[in-house]
């Protein structure tokens, strides 16, 4: 069994009730967009996702260790 480069935590909901996932690395840090892409292809059979970066703390960083990911279809209001 291959060792995952990233961890996908499912089952989180924002204040509007929309489902999102938290994506992080096992060792914390150096999260690569290509690793997220490949893991979502392997684990979720692809799709369209929005990656949210939390930049409100005004701190500069040299590595991204955690992002929130929404399925685009969950963000589109259904009428």
N, C-alpha and C. Protein backbone atom coordinates (compact mmCIF):
# COMPACT_ATOMS: atom_id res chain seq x y z
N UNK A 1 0.84 -1.18 0.00
CA UNK A 1 0.00 0.00 0.00
C UNK A 1 0.88 1.24 0.00
N UNK A 2 0.55 2.20 -0.85
CA UNK A 2 1.37 3.41 -0.94
C UNK A 2 1.11 4.34 0.23
N UNK A 3 2.14 5.07 0.59
CA UNK A 3 2.03 6.02 1.70
C UNK A 3 1.51 7.35 1.13
N UNK A 4 0.41 7.87 1.67
CA UNK A 4 -0.14 9.13 1.11
C UNK A 4 0.76 10.31 1.40
N UNK A 5 0.88 11.21 0.40
CA UNK A 5 1.66 12.43 0.58
C UNK A 5 0.85 13.49 1.31
N UNK A 6 -0.49 13.37 1.22
CA UNK A 6 -1.36 14.32 1.90
C UNK A 6 -2.47 13.58 2.63
N UNK A 7 -3.10 14.28 3.56
CA UNK A 7 -4.22 13.74 4.31
C UNK A 7 -5.46 14.54 3.95
N UNK A 8 -6.56 13.86 3.62
CA UNK A 8 -7.82 14.52 3.32
C UNK A 8 -8.79 14.18 4.45
N UNK A 9 -9.17 15.21 5.22
CA UNK A 9 -10.13 15.04 6.31
C UNK A 9 -11.51 15.47 5.80
N UNK A 10 -12.43 14.55 5.77
CA UNK A 10 -13.79 14.84 5.30
C UNK A 10 -14.70 15.11 6.49
N UNK A 11 -15.91 15.60 6.21
CA UNK A 11 -16.92 15.75 7.25
C UNK A 11 -16.93 17.08 7.98
N UNK A 12 -16.33 18.11 7.38
CA UNK A 12 -16.35 19.44 7.98
C UNK A 12 -17.42 20.29 7.29
N UNK A 13 -18.03 21.22 8.04
CA UNK A 13 -19.06 22.10 7.48
C UNK A 13 -18.78 23.53 7.91
N UNK A 14 -18.98 24.48 6.97
CA UNK A 14 -18.79 25.89 7.30
C UNK A 14 -20.06 26.45 7.94
N UNK A 15 -20.07 27.74 8.23
CA UNK A 15 -21.20 28.34 8.92
C UNK A 15 -22.47 28.37 8.07
N UNK A 16 -22.32 28.24 6.75
CA UNK A 16 -23.48 28.19 5.85
C UNK A 16 -23.96 26.76 5.63
N UNK A 17 -23.31 25.79 6.27
CA UNK A 17 -23.72 24.40 6.15
C UNK A 17 -23.15 23.67 4.94
N UNK A 18 -22.17 24.28 4.26
CA UNK A 18 -21.56 23.64 3.09
C UNK A 18 -20.42 22.73 3.53
N UNK A 19 -20.36 21.57 2.93
CA UNK A 19 -19.33 20.58 3.23
C UNK A 19 -17.99 21.02 2.65
N UNK A 20 -16.93 20.84 3.42
CA UNK A 20 -15.58 21.06 2.89
C UNK A 20 -14.64 20.04 3.51
N UNK A 21 -13.47 19.92 2.91
CA UNK A 21 -12.45 19.00 3.37
C UNK A 21 -11.21 19.79 3.78
N UNK A 22 -10.50 19.29 4.78
CA UNK A 22 -9.23 19.89 5.17
C UNK A 22 -8.12 19.01 4.60
N UNK A 23 -7.22 19.64 3.88
CA UNK A 23 -6.10 18.92 3.26
C UNK A 23 -4.81 19.38 3.92
N UNK A 24 -4.00 18.42 4.35
CA UNK A 24 -2.73 18.74 5.00
C UNK A 24 -1.72 17.65 4.66
N UNK A 25 -0.48 17.87 5.10
CA UNK A 25 0.55 16.86 4.90
C UNK A 25 0.76 16.12 6.22
N UNK A 26 1.20 14.86 6.16
CA UNK A 26 1.41 14.10 7.39
C UNK A 26 2.41 14.75 8.35
N UNK A 27 3.42 15.43 7.81
CA UNK A 27 4.45 16.03 8.65
C UNK A 27 4.22 17.52 8.90
N UNK A 28 3.16 18.09 8.30
CA UNK A 28 2.85 19.51 8.49
C UNK A 28 3.80 20.43 7.75
N UNK A 29 3.40 20.87 6.59
CA UNK A 29 4.22 21.80 5.82
C UNK A 29 4.49 21.29 4.42
N UNK A 30 4.88 22.21 3.55
CA UNK A 30 5.26 21.90 2.18
C UNK A 30 4.16 21.18 1.40
N UNK A 31 2.95 21.71 1.47
CA UNK A 31 1.82 21.17 0.72
C UNK A 31 1.92 21.64 -0.72
N UNK A 32 1.96 20.71 -1.66
CA UNK A 32 2.13 21.04 -3.07
C UNK A 32 0.81 20.87 -3.82
N UNK A 33 0.54 21.80 -4.74
CA UNK A 33 -0.68 21.74 -5.53
C UNK A 33 -0.75 20.44 -6.34
N UNK A 34 0.37 19.99 -6.85
CA UNK A 34 0.38 18.75 -7.63
C UNK A 34 0.02 17.54 -6.77
N UNK A 35 0.44 17.53 -5.49
CA UNK A 35 0.07 16.43 -4.60
C UNK A 35 -1.43 16.43 -4.32
N UNK A 36 -2.00 17.64 -4.12
CA UNK A 36 -3.45 17.74 -3.92
C UNK A 36 -4.18 17.21 -5.15
N UNK A 37 -3.76 17.66 -6.32
CA UNK A 37 -4.37 17.23 -7.58
C UNK A 37 -4.34 15.71 -7.71
N UNK A 38 -3.18 15.12 -7.53
CA UNK A 38 -3.04 13.67 -7.70
C UNK A 38 -3.83 12.88 -6.68
N UNK A 39 -3.87 13.35 -5.45
CA UNK A 39 -4.62 12.65 -4.41
C UNK A 39 -6.13 12.71 -4.68
N UNK A 40 -6.63 13.86 -5.16
CA UNK A 40 -8.05 13.97 -5.49
C UNK A 40 -8.41 13.11 -6.70
N UNK A 41 -7.49 12.93 -7.63
CA UNK A 41 -7.72 12.01 -8.75
C UNK A 41 -7.82 10.58 -8.22
N UNK A 42 -6.90 10.20 -7.33
CA UNK A 42 -6.87 8.83 -6.80
C UNK A 42 -8.02 8.54 -5.83
N UNK A 43 -8.32 9.47 -4.93
CA UNK A 43 -9.28 9.23 -3.86
C UNK A 43 -10.72 9.61 -4.22
N UNK A 44 -10.89 10.66 -5.03
CA UNK A 44 -12.23 11.21 -5.28
C UNK A 44 -12.67 11.07 -6.73
N UNK A 45 -11.91 10.34 -7.54
CA UNK A 45 -12.23 10.15 -8.96
C UNK A 45 -12.33 11.48 -9.72
N UNK A 46 -11.52 12.44 -9.34
CA UNK A 46 -11.49 13.73 -10.05
C UNK A 46 -12.63 14.63 -9.63
N UNK A 47 -12.90 15.65 -10.44
CA UNK A 47 -13.96 16.61 -10.16
C UNK A 47 -13.40 18.03 -10.22
N UNK A 48 -14.24 18.99 -9.82
CA UNK A 48 -13.86 20.40 -9.79
C UNK A 48 -13.89 20.86 -8.34
N UNK A 49 -12.76 21.42 -7.87
CA UNK A 49 -12.63 21.80 -6.48
C UNK A 49 -12.07 23.20 -6.36
N UNK A 50 -12.43 23.89 -5.28
CA UNK A 50 -11.89 25.22 -4.97
C UNK A 50 -11.02 25.09 -3.72
N UNK A 51 -9.79 25.56 -3.82
CA UNK A 51 -8.87 25.52 -2.68
C UNK A 51 -8.89 26.88 -2.01
N UNK A 52 -9.14 26.89 -0.70
CA UNK A 52 -9.22 28.12 0.08
C UNK A 52 -7.96 28.26 0.93
N UNK A 53 -7.27 29.38 0.77
CA UNK A 53 -6.09 29.68 1.59
C UNK A 53 -6.50 30.70 2.64
N UNK A 54 -6.22 30.42 3.89
CA UNK A 54 -6.51 31.34 4.97
C UNK A 54 -5.34 32.31 5.13
N UNK A 55 -5.55 33.56 4.76
CA UNK A 55 -4.49 34.57 4.82
C UNK A 55 -4.87 35.74 5.72
N UNK A 56 -5.79 35.54 6.65
CA UNK A 56 -6.26 36.63 7.50
C UNK A 56 -5.34 36.93 8.68
N UNK A 57 -4.41 36.06 8.98
CA UNK A 57 -3.56 36.30 10.15
C UNK A 57 -2.41 37.26 9.86
N UNK A 58 -2.25 37.70 8.62
CA UNK A 58 -1.22 38.66 8.22
C UNK A 58 0.20 38.20 8.48
N UNK A 59 0.40 36.91 8.65
CA UNK A 59 1.75 36.38 8.86
C UNK A 59 2.28 35.79 7.56
N UNK A 60 3.53 36.08 7.25
CA UNK A 60 4.17 35.50 6.07
C UNK A 60 4.68 34.11 6.43
N UNK A 61 4.67 33.23 5.45
CA UNK A 61 5.12 31.86 5.68
C UNK A 61 5.91 31.38 4.47
N UNK A 62 6.77 30.42 4.67
CA UNK A 62 7.51 29.85 3.55
C UNK A 62 6.91 28.53 3.09
N UNK A 63 5.95 27.98 3.85
CA UNK A 63 5.30 26.71 3.48
C UNK A 63 3.82 26.78 3.83
N UNK A 64 3.02 26.18 2.98
CA UNK A 64 1.59 26.04 3.26
C UNK A 64 1.38 24.64 3.80
N UNK A 65 0.78 24.54 4.97
CA UNK A 65 0.63 23.23 5.61
C UNK A 65 -0.81 22.74 5.65
N UNK A 66 -1.78 23.63 5.34
CA UNK A 66 -3.18 23.24 5.47
C UNK A 66 -4.03 24.13 4.58
N UNK A 67 -4.96 23.54 3.85
CA UNK A 67 -5.92 24.29 3.05
C UNK A 67 -7.30 23.66 3.23
N UNK A 68 -8.32 24.45 2.94
CA UNK A 68 -9.69 23.93 2.92
C UNK A 68 -10.08 23.77 1.46
N UNK A 69 -10.78 22.69 1.16
CA UNK A 69 -11.15 22.39 -0.22
C UNK A 69 -12.66 22.15 -0.29
N UNK A 70 -13.31 22.88 -1.19
CA UNK A 70 -14.74 22.73 -1.44
C UNK A 70 -14.95 22.10 -2.80
N UNK A 71 -15.95 21.25 -2.90
CA UNK A 71 -16.41 20.77 -4.20
C UNK A 71 -17.17 21.94 -4.83
N UNK A 72 -16.84 22.31 -6.04
CA UNK A 72 -17.46 23.45 -6.70
C UNK A 72 -18.98 23.31 -6.73
N UNK A 73 -19.50 22.11 -6.95
CA UNK A 73 -20.95 21.92 -7.01
C UNK A 73 -21.62 22.24 -5.69
N UNK A 74 -20.90 22.10 -4.57
CA UNK A 74 -21.45 22.46 -3.26
C UNK A 74 -21.50 23.98 -3.06
N UNK A 75 -20.69 24.72 -3.82
CA UNK A 75 -20.67 26.18 -3.70
C UNK A 75 -21.72 26.86 -4.57
N UNK A 76 -22.18 26.18 -5.60
CA UNK A 76 -23.17 26.74 -6.51
C UNK A 76 -24.54 26.61 -5.87
N UNK A 77 -25.25 27.74 -5.76
CA UNK A 77 -26.59 27.69 -5.18
C UNK A 77 -27.53 26.96 -6.13
N UNK A 78 -28.26 26.05 -5.56
CA UNK A 78 -29.25 25.32 -6.36
C UNK A 78 -30.57 26.07 -6.27
N UNK A 79 -31.15 26.34 -7.41
CA UNK A 79 -32.41 27.10 -7.45
C UNK A 79 -33.55 26.21 -7.82
